Amino acid sequence: MTTKKIFLPVLIGILAISAAACGNKQGEEQTGSVEEEEQNQSTYSNSIFLGDSVLDGLAEVLDDSRVISNAGATAQFAIEEVDQIVDKKPQDIFIMLGSDDILMPVDNPTEHSMTHYTELIEKLKEELPNVKIHVLSVTPVTEGAIKKEPRYKNIPDYNEALKDMTAAEKVDYIDLSPLFNNHQNLHADDGIHLKADFYPLLLDYIKKHSNIDEEDA
């Protein structure tokens, strides 16, 4: 099942944002045909998705054993999930973290996050030497969300640091910004989390921008 953990105590403020937003996603209908869903199940049958609450909705369109999403998760705390990932023996790991890292109460949240993100990737490489690691950029938020939480304006700079880190670690980086440029109104009411429509689009986008395909599954 999808992992749901609450990290305490330093992330209480982060969780307040995440928890409020999760309520905005309840009751939304998933889009996409049965055929598309079956194809995604096949394509990603040997994949694991690791992320924060922004990734929650993926478990509605993909086998939830493939999705590890934790409210308030950061790169630092995601290291705790390595053993669980190793047990699943995936061929591909897709990581989408950073939305909560940006809010960490430290002097330099981005630098702090990159240190732990690197540790996470290196630990995964050590435990799963043949796995393909794909790091997804932090999804944008709306102007309204930035007004409520100005630290979200640092998302572009964080993604640049993420791109540099993945290059240094020689793992795949997938920029999700074109997905949002091509599709409008993907955000939930809070302007941070995403509507059900986003997740089938995400899986299709990843297929086109990574080496994964049905032959790998």
C-alpha atoms as a PDB file:
ATOM      1  CA  MET A   1       0.000   0.000   0.000  1.00  0.00           C
ATOM      2  CA  THR A   2       1.060   3.602  -0.407  1.00  0.00           C
ATOM      3  CA  THR A   3       3.165   4.629   2.530  1.00  0.00           C
ATOM      4  CA  LYS A   4       1.685   7.442   4.607  1.00  0.00           C
ATOM      5  CA  LYS A   5       4.003   8.745   7.287  1.00  0.00           C
ATOM      6  CA  ILE A   6       4.065  11.930   9.275  1.00  0.00           C
ATOM      7  CA  PHE A   7       7.504  13.245  10.139  1.00  0.00           C
ATOM      8  CA  LEU A   8       7.814  15.167  13.430  1.00  0.00           C
ATOM      9  CA  PRO A   9       8.537  17.641  14.890  1.00  0.00           C
ATOM     10  CA  VAL A  10      10.451  19.963  12.574  1.00  0.00           C
ATOM     11  CA  LEU A  11       7.981  19.470   9.734  1.00  0.00           C
ATOM     12  CA  ILE A  12       4.815  20.457  11.580  1.00  0.00           C
ATOM     13  CA  GLY A  13       4.537  23.683   9.605  1.00  0.00           C
ATOM     14  CA  ILE A  14       5.124  21.866   6.337  1.00  0.00           C
ATOM     15  CA  LEU A  15       2.515  19.268   7.202  1.00  0.00           C
ATOM     16  CA  ALA A  16      -0.057  21.945   7.931  1.00  0.00           C
ATOM     17  CA  ILE A  17       0.236  23.036   4.306  1.00  0.00           C
ATOM     18  CA  SER A  18       0.267  19.496   2.966  1.00  0.00           C
ATOM     19  CA  ALA A  19      -2.635  18.279   5.088  1.00  0.00           C
ATOM     20  CA  ALA A  20      -4.866  21.158   4.105  1.00  0.00           C
ATOM     21  CA  ALA A  21      -4.124  20.571   0.464  1.00  0.00           C
ATOM     22  CA  CYS A  22      -4.807  16.848   0.569  1.00  0.00           C
ATOM     23  CA  GLY A  23      -8.414  17.599   1.368  1.00  0.00           C
ATOM     24  CA  ASN A  24      -8.730  19.460  -1.909  1.00  0.00           C
ATOM     25  CA  LYS A  25      -8.070  16.268  -3.852  1.00  0.00           C
ATOM     26  CA  GLN A  26     -10.824  14.166  -2.338  1.00  0.00           C
ATOM     27  CA  GLY A  27     -13.646  13.129  -4.620  1.00  0.00           C
ATOM     28  CA  GLU A  28     -11.901  13.980  -7.896  1.00  0.00           C
ATOM     29  CA  GLU A  29     -12.519  11.512 -10.698  1.00  0.00           C
ATOM     30  CA  GLN A  30      -9.558   9.985 -12.463  1.00  0.00           C
ATOM     31  CA  THR A  31      -9.191  10.469 -16.191  1.00  0.00           C
ATOM     32  CA  GLY A  32      -7.829   8.136 -18.824  1.00  0.00           C
ATOM     33  CA  SER A  33      -9.201   5.033 -20.493  1.00  0.00           C
ATOM     34  CA  VAL A  34      -9.028   1.522 -19.099  1.00  0.00           C
ATOM     35  CA  GLU A  35      -6.637   0.685 -21.920  1.00  0.00           C
ATOM     36  CA  GLU A  36      -4.311   3.519 -20.923  1.00  0.00           C
ATOM     37  CA  GLU A  37      -4.378   2.432 -17.303  1.00  0.00           C
ATOM     38  CA  GLU A  38      -3.566  -1.153 -18.227  1.00  0.00           C
ATOM     39  CA  GLN A  39      -0.716   0.030 -20.408  1.00  0.00           C
ATOM     40  CA  ASN A  40       0.695   2.123 -17.569  1.00  0.00           C
ATOM     41  CA  GLN A  41       0.440  -0.793 -15.162  1.00  0.00           C
ATOM     42  CA  SER A  42       2.486  -2.850 -17.614  1.00  0.00           C
ATOM     43  CA  THR A  43       5.032  -0.155 -18.399  1.00  0.00           C
ATOM     44  CA  TYR A  44       5.716   0.682 -14.760  1.00  0.00           C
ATOM     45  CA  SER A  45       5.358  -2.795 -13.265  1.00  0.00           C
ATOM     46  CA  ASN A  46       9.062  -2.815 -12.346  1.00  0.00           C
ATOM     47  CA  SER A  47       9.230   0.798 -11.217  1.00  0.00           C
ATOM     48  CA  ILE A  48       8.999   2.592  -7.887  1.00  0.00           C
ATOM     49  CA  PHE A  49       7.904   6.202  -7.438  1.00  0.00           C
ATOM     50  CA  LEU A  50       9.223   7.973  -4.336  1.00  0.00           C
ATOM     51  CA  GLY A  51       8.005  11.396  -3.308  1.00  0.00           C
ATOM     52  CA  ASP A  52       6.098  13.716  -1.029  1.00  0.00           C
ATOM     53  CA  SER A  53       2.349  14.366  -0.937  1.00  0.00           C
ATOM     54  CA  VAL A  54       2.406  15.903  -4.428  1.00  0.00           C
ATOM     55  CA  LEU A  55       2.834  12.320  -5.647  1.00  0.00           C
ATOM     56  CA  ASP A  56      -0.128  10.938  -3.655  1.00  0.00           C
ATOM     57  CA  GLY A  57      -2.590  10.932  -6.532  1.00  0.00           C
ATOM     58  CA  LEU A  58      -0.378   8.636  -8.590  1.00  0.00           C
ATOM     59  CA  ALA A  59      -1.529   5.687  -6.484  1.00  0.00           C
ATOM     60  CA  GLU A  60      -5.001   6.144  -7.996  1.00  0.00           C
ATOM     61  CA  VAL A  61      -3.794   5.401 -11.541  1.00  0.00           C
ATOM     62  CA  LEU A  62      -0.912   3.033 -10.783  1.00  0.00           C
ATOM     63  CA  ASP A  63      -0.566   0.007  -8.527  1.00  0.00           C
ATOM     64  CA  ASP A  64      -0.203   1.632  -5.112  1.00  0.00           C
ATOM     65  CA  SER A  65       2.575  -0.799  -4.177  1.00  0.00           C
ATOM     66  CA  ARG A  66       4.632   1.107  -6.764  1.00  0.00           C
ATOM     67  CA  VAL A  67       4.152   4.457  -4.998  1.00  0.00           C
ATOM     68  CA  ILE A  68       5.827   5.594  -1.771  1.00  0.00           C
ATOM     69  CA  SER A  69       4.540   9.080  -0.941  1.00  0.00           C
ATOM     70  CA  ASN A  70       4.787  10.678   2.476  1.00  0.00           C
ATOM     71  CA  ALA A  71       3.197  13.903   3.660  1.00  0.00           C
ATOM     72  CA  GLY A  72       5.999  16.293   4.565  1.00  0.00           C
ATOM     73  CA  ALA A  73       8.687  14.070   3.031  1.00  0.00           C
ATOM     74  CA  THR A  74      12.087  15.587   2.271  1.00  0.00           C
ATOM     75  CA  ALA A  75      15.221  14.120   0.723  1.00  0.00           C
ATOM     76  CA  GLN A  76      16.613  13.675   4.224  1.00  0.00           C
ATOM     77  CA  PHE A  77      13.700  11.581   5.460  1.00  0.00           C
ATOM     78  CA  ALA A  78      13.313   9.709   2.178  1.00  0.00           C
ATOM     79  CA  ILE A  79      16.585   7.919   2.974  1.00  0.00           C
ATOM     80  CA  GLU A  80      14.542   5.931   5.489  1.00  0.00           C
ATOM     81  CA  GLU A  81      12.633   4.368   2.576  1.00  0.00           C
ATOM     82  CA  VAL A  82      15.678   2.785   0.922  1.00  0.00           C
ATOM     83  CA  ASP A  83      15.218  -0.611   2.585  1.00  0.00           C
ATOM     84  CA  GLN A  84      11.590  -0.758   1.466  1.00  0.00           C
ATOM     85  CA  ILE A  85      12.612   0.138  -2.091  1.00  0.00           C
ATOM     86  CA  VAL A  86      15.385  -2.477  -2.110  1.00  0.00           C
ATOM     87  CA  ASP A  87      12.879  -5.154  -1.063  1.00  0.00           C
ATOM     88  CA  LYS A  88      10.791  -4.402  -4.156  1.00  0.00           C
ATOM     89  CA  LYS A  89      13.810  -4.867  -6.498  1.00  0.00           C
ATOM     90  CA  PRO A  90      12.777  -2.241  -9.057  1.00  0.00           C
ATOM     91  CA  GLN A  91      14.434  -1.678 -12.411  1.00  0.00           C
ATOM     92  CA  ASP A  92      13.590   2.043 -12.365  1.00  0.00           C
ATOM     93  CA  ILE A  93      13.154   4.512  -9.520  1.00  0.00           C
ATOM     94  CA  PHE A  94      11.447   7.856 -10.120  1.00  0.00           C
ATOM     95  CA  ILE A  95      11.998  10.437  -7.366  1.00  0.00           C
ATOM     96  CA  MET A  96       9.946  13.609  -6.958  1.00  0.00           C
ATOM     97  CA  LEU A  97      11.029  15.451  -3.830  1.00  0.00           C
ATOM     98  CA  GLY A  98      11.715  19.088  -3.042  1.00  0.00           C
ATOM     99  CA  SER A  99       8.360  20.781  -2.440  1.00  0.00           C
ATOM    100  CA  ASP A 100       8.836  20.325   1.290  1.00  0.00           C
ATOM    101  CA  ASP A 101      12.635  20.672   1.240  1.00  0.00           C
ATOM    102  CA  ILE A 102      12.212  24.290   0.153  1.00  0.00           C
ATOM    103  CA  LEU A 103      10.271  24.945   3.360  1.00  0.00           C
ATOM    104  CA  MET A 104      12.829  23.438   5.731  1.00  0.00           C
ATOM    105  CA  PRO A 105      13.730  25.801   8.618  1.00  0.00           C
ATOM    106  CA  VAL A 106      17.484  25.817   7.912  1.00  0.00           C
ATOM    107  CA  ASP A 107      19.860  28.536   6.710  1.00  0.00           C
ATOM    108  CA  ASN A 108      20.136  27.194   3.168  1.00  0.00           C
ATOM    109  CA  PRO A 109      17.265  24.802   2.353  1.00  0.00           C
ATOM    110  CA  THR A 110      18.489  24.043  -1.162  1.00  0.00           C
ATOM    111  CA  GLU A 111      22.028  23.200  -0.094  1.00  0.00           C
ATOM    112  CA  HIS A 112      20.675  21.142   2.802  1.00  0.00           C
ATOM    113  CA  SER A 113      18.403  19.250   0.425  1.00  0.00           C
ATOM    114  CA  MET A 114      21.101  18.580  -2.188  1.00  0.00           C
ATOM    115  CA  THR A 115      23.349  17.068   0.481  1.00  0.00           C
ATOM    116  CA  HIS A 116      20.673  14.584   1.487  1.00  0.00           C
ATOM    117  CA  TYR A 117      19.415  14.023  -2.058  1.00  0.00           C
ATOM    118  CA  THR A 118      22.951  13.005  -3.019  1.00  0.00           C
ATOM    119  CA  GLU A 119      23.123  10.679  -0.035  1.00  0.00           C
ATOM    120  CA  LEU A 120      19.790   9.133  -1.037  1.00  0.00           C
ATOM    121  CA  ILE A 121      20.925   8.510  -4.606  1.00  0.00           C
ATOM    122  CA  GLU A 122      24.279   7.089  -3.572  1.00  0.00           C
ATOM    123  CA  LYS A 123      22.643   4.745  -1.106  1.00  0.00           C
ATOM    124  CA  LEU A 124      20.235   3.529  -3.773  1.00  0.00           C
ATOM    125  CA  LYS A 125      23.141   2.963  -6.153  1.00  0.00           C
ATOM    126  CA  GLU A 126      24.989   1.010  -3.476  1.00  0.00           C
ATOM    127  CA  GLU A 127      22.027  -1.226  -2.659  1.00  0.00           C
ATOM    128  CA  LEU A 128      20.720  -1.542  -6.231  1.00  0.00           C
ATOM    129  CA  PRO A 129      23.725  -1.173  -8.548  1.00  0.00           C
ATOM    130  CA  ASN A 130      21.732  -1.955 -11.717  1.00  0.00           C
ATOM    131  CA  VAL A 131      18.763   0.294 -11.036  1.00  0.00           C
ATOM    132  CA  LYS A 132      18.004   3.303 -13.243  1.00  0.00           C
ATOM    133  CA  ILE A 133      17.356   6.434 -11.188  1.00  0.00           C
ATOM    134  CA  HIS A 134      15.240   9.244 -12.611  1.00  0.00           C
ATOM    135  CA  VAL A 135      14.887  12.522 -10.694  1.00  0.00           C
ATOM    136  CA  LEU A 136      11.821  14.631 -11.507  1.00  0.00           C
ATOM    137  CA  SER A 137      11.827  18.392 -11.154  1.00  0.00           C
ATOM    138  CA  VAL A 138       9.702  20.038  -8.479  1.00  0.00           C
ATOM    139  CA  THR A 139       6.336  20.914  -9.942  1.00  0.00           C
ATOM    140  CA  PRO A 140       5.451  24.614 -10.132  1.00  0.00           C
ATOM    141  CA  VAL A 141       2.872  26.254  -7.900  1.00  0.00           C
ATOM    142  CA  THR A 142       0.396  29.010  -8.679  1.00  0.00           C
ATOM    143  CA  GLU A 143       0.933  32.707  -8.020  1.00  0.00           C
ATOM    144  CA  GLY A 144      -1.693  32.471  -5.300  1.00  0.00           C
ATOM    145  CA  ALA A 145       0.314  29.769  -3.527  1.00  0.00           C
ATOM    146  CA  ILE A 146       3.457  31.914  -3.716  1.00  0.00           C
ATOM    147  CA  LYS A 147       1.602  34.835  -2.157  1.00  0.00           C
ATOM    148  CA  LYS A 148       0.636  32.618   0.774  1.00  0.00           C
ATOM    149  CA  GLU A 149       4.089  31.023   1.023  1.00  0.00           C
ATOM    150  CA  PRO A 150       6.810  33.187  -0.606  1.00  0.00           C
ATOM    151  CA  ARG A 151       9.459  30.463  -0.283  1.00  0.00           C
ATOM    152  CA  TYR A 152       7.836  28.675  -3.221  1.00  0.00           C
ATOM    153  CA  LYS A 153       9.344  31.333  -5.474  1.00  0.00           C
ATOM    154  CA  ASN A 154      12.622  29.429  -4.987  1.00  0.00           C
ATOM    155  CA  ILE A 155      11.379  26.420  -6.979  1.00  0.00           C
ATOM    156  CA  PRO A 156      13.198  27.427 -10.226  1.00  0.00           C
ATOM    157  CA  ASP A 157      16.507  27.864  -8.383  1.00  0.00           C
ATOM    158  CA  TYR A 158      15.968  24.583  -6.565  1.00  0.00           C
ATOM    159  CA  ASN A 159      15.381  22.807  -9.870  1.00  0.00           C
ATOM    160  CA  GLU A 160      18.605  24.260 -11.284  1.00  0.00           C
ATOM    161  CA  ALA A 161      20.481  22.859  -8.284  1.00  0.00           C
ATOM    162  CA  LEU A 162      18.687  19.552  -8.796  1.00  0.00           C
ATOM    163  CA  LYS A 163      19.779  19.460 -12.441  1.00  0.00           C
ATOM    164  CA  ASP A 164      23.405  20.104 -11.466  1.00  0.00           C
ATOM    165  CA  MET A 165      23.285  17.452  -8.747  1.00  0.00           C
ATOM    166  CA  THR A 166      21.884  14.792 -11.053  1.00  0.00           C
ATOM    167  CA  ALA A 167      24.554  15.570 -13.640  1.00  0.00           C
ATOM    168  CA  ALA A 168      27.242  15.116 -10.986  1.00  0.00           C
ATOM    169  CA  GLU A 169      25.654  11.852  -9.849  1.00  0.00           C
ATOM    170  CA  LYS A 170      25.178  10.682 -13.451  1.00  0.00           C
ATOM    171  CA  VAL A 171      21.472   9.955 -13.068  1.00  0.00           C
ATOM    172  CA  ASP A 172      18.537  10.973 -15.247  1.00  0.00           C
ATOM    173  CA  TYR A 173      16.885  14.369 -14.736  1.00  0.00           C
ATOM    174  CA  ILE A 174      13.375  14.939 -16.098  1.00  0.00           C
ATOM    175  CA  ASP A 175      12.190  18.536 -16.348  1.00  0.00           C
ATOM    176  CA  LEU A 176       8.414  18.614 -15.885  1.00  0.00           C
ATOM    177  CA  SER A 177       7.948  22.298 -16.773  1.00  0.00           C
ATOM    178  CA  PRO A 178       6.952  21.606 -20.419  1.00  0.00           C
ATOM    179  CA  LEU A 179       4.109  19.465 -19.139  1.00  0.00           C
ATOM    180  CA  PHE A 180       2.671  22.484 -17.351  1.00  0.00           C
ATOM    181  CA  ASN A 181       3.348  24.757 -20.314  1.00  0.00           C
ATOM    182  CA  ASN A 182       1.292  22.457 -22.536  1.00  0.00           C
ATOM    183  CA  HIS A 183      -1.544  21.739 -20.095  1.00  0.00           C
ATOM    184  CA  GLN A 184      -3.427  24.333 -18.082  1.00  0.00           C
ATOM    185  CA  ASN A 185      -5.441  24.090 -14.859  1.00  0.00           C
ATOM    186  CA  LEU A 186      -3.599  21.108 -13.418  1.00  0.00           C
ATOM    187  CA  HIS A 187      -3.418  22.491  -9.869  1.00  0.00           C
ATOM    188  CA  ALA A 188      -5.805  21.685  -7.054  1.00  0.00           C
ATOM    189  CA  ASP A 189      -7.454  24.518  -5.134  1.00  0.00           C
ATOM    190  CA  ASP A 190      -4.419  25.113  -2.927  1.00  0.00           C
ATOM    191  CA  GLY A 191      -2.231  25.831  -5.955  1.00  0.00           C
ATOM    192  CA  ILE A 192       0.418  23.339  -4.769  1.00  0.00           C
ATOM    193  CA  HIS A 193      -1.007  19.870  -5.162  1.00  0.00           C
ATOM    194  CA  LEU A 194      -2.349  18.540  -8.433  1.00  0.00           C
ATOM    195  CA  LYS A 195      -5.658  17.383  -9.860  1.00  0.00           C
ATOM    196  CA  ALA A 196      -6.330  13.796 -10.848  1.00  0.00           C
ATOM    197  CA  ASP A 197      -5.880  14.793 -14.502  1.00  0.00           C
ATOM    198  CA  PHE A 198      -2.175  15.356 -13.919  1.00  0.00           C
ATOM    199  CA  TYR A 199      -1.115  11.811 -13.113  1.00  0.00           C
ATOM    200  CA  PRO A 200      -1.947  10.031 -16.390  1.00  0.00           C
ATOM    201  CA  LEU A 201      -0.257  12.951 -18.163  1.00  0.00           C
ATOM    202  CA  LEU A 202       2.787  12.506 -15.925  1.00  0.00           C
ATOM    203  CA  LEU A 203       3.142   8.816 -16.742  1.00  0.00           C
ATOM    204  CA  ASP A 204       2.814   9.474 -20.459  1.00  0.00           C
ATOM    205  CA  TYR A 205       5.340  12.323 -20.262  1.00  0.00           C
ATOM    206  CA  ILE A 206       7.863  10.159 -18.418  1.00  0.00           C
ATOM    207  CA  LYS A 207       7.569   7.438 -21.069  1.00  0.00           C
ATOM    208  CA  LYS A 208       8.545  10.001 -23.687  1.00  0.00           C
ATOM    209  CA  HIS A 209      11.411  11.522 -21.695  1.00  0.00           C
ATOM    210  CA  SER A 210      13.114   8.488 -20.189  1.00  0.00           C
ATOM    211  CA  ASN A 211      14.387   5.117 -21.395  1.00  0.00           C
ATOM    212  CA  ILE A 212      11.514   3.212 -19.855  1.00  0.00           C
ATOM    213  CA  ASP A 213       9.110   1.448 -22.195  1.00  0.00           C
ATOM    214  CA  GLU A 214       6.997  -1.684 -22.198  1.00  0.00           C
ATOM    215  CA  GLU A 215       9.930  -3.817 -23.328  1.00  0.00           C
ATOM    216  CA  ASP A 216      11.772  -2.892 -20.099  1.00  0.00           C
ATOM    217  CA  ALA A 217       8.793  -3.856 -17.948  1.00  0.00           C
END
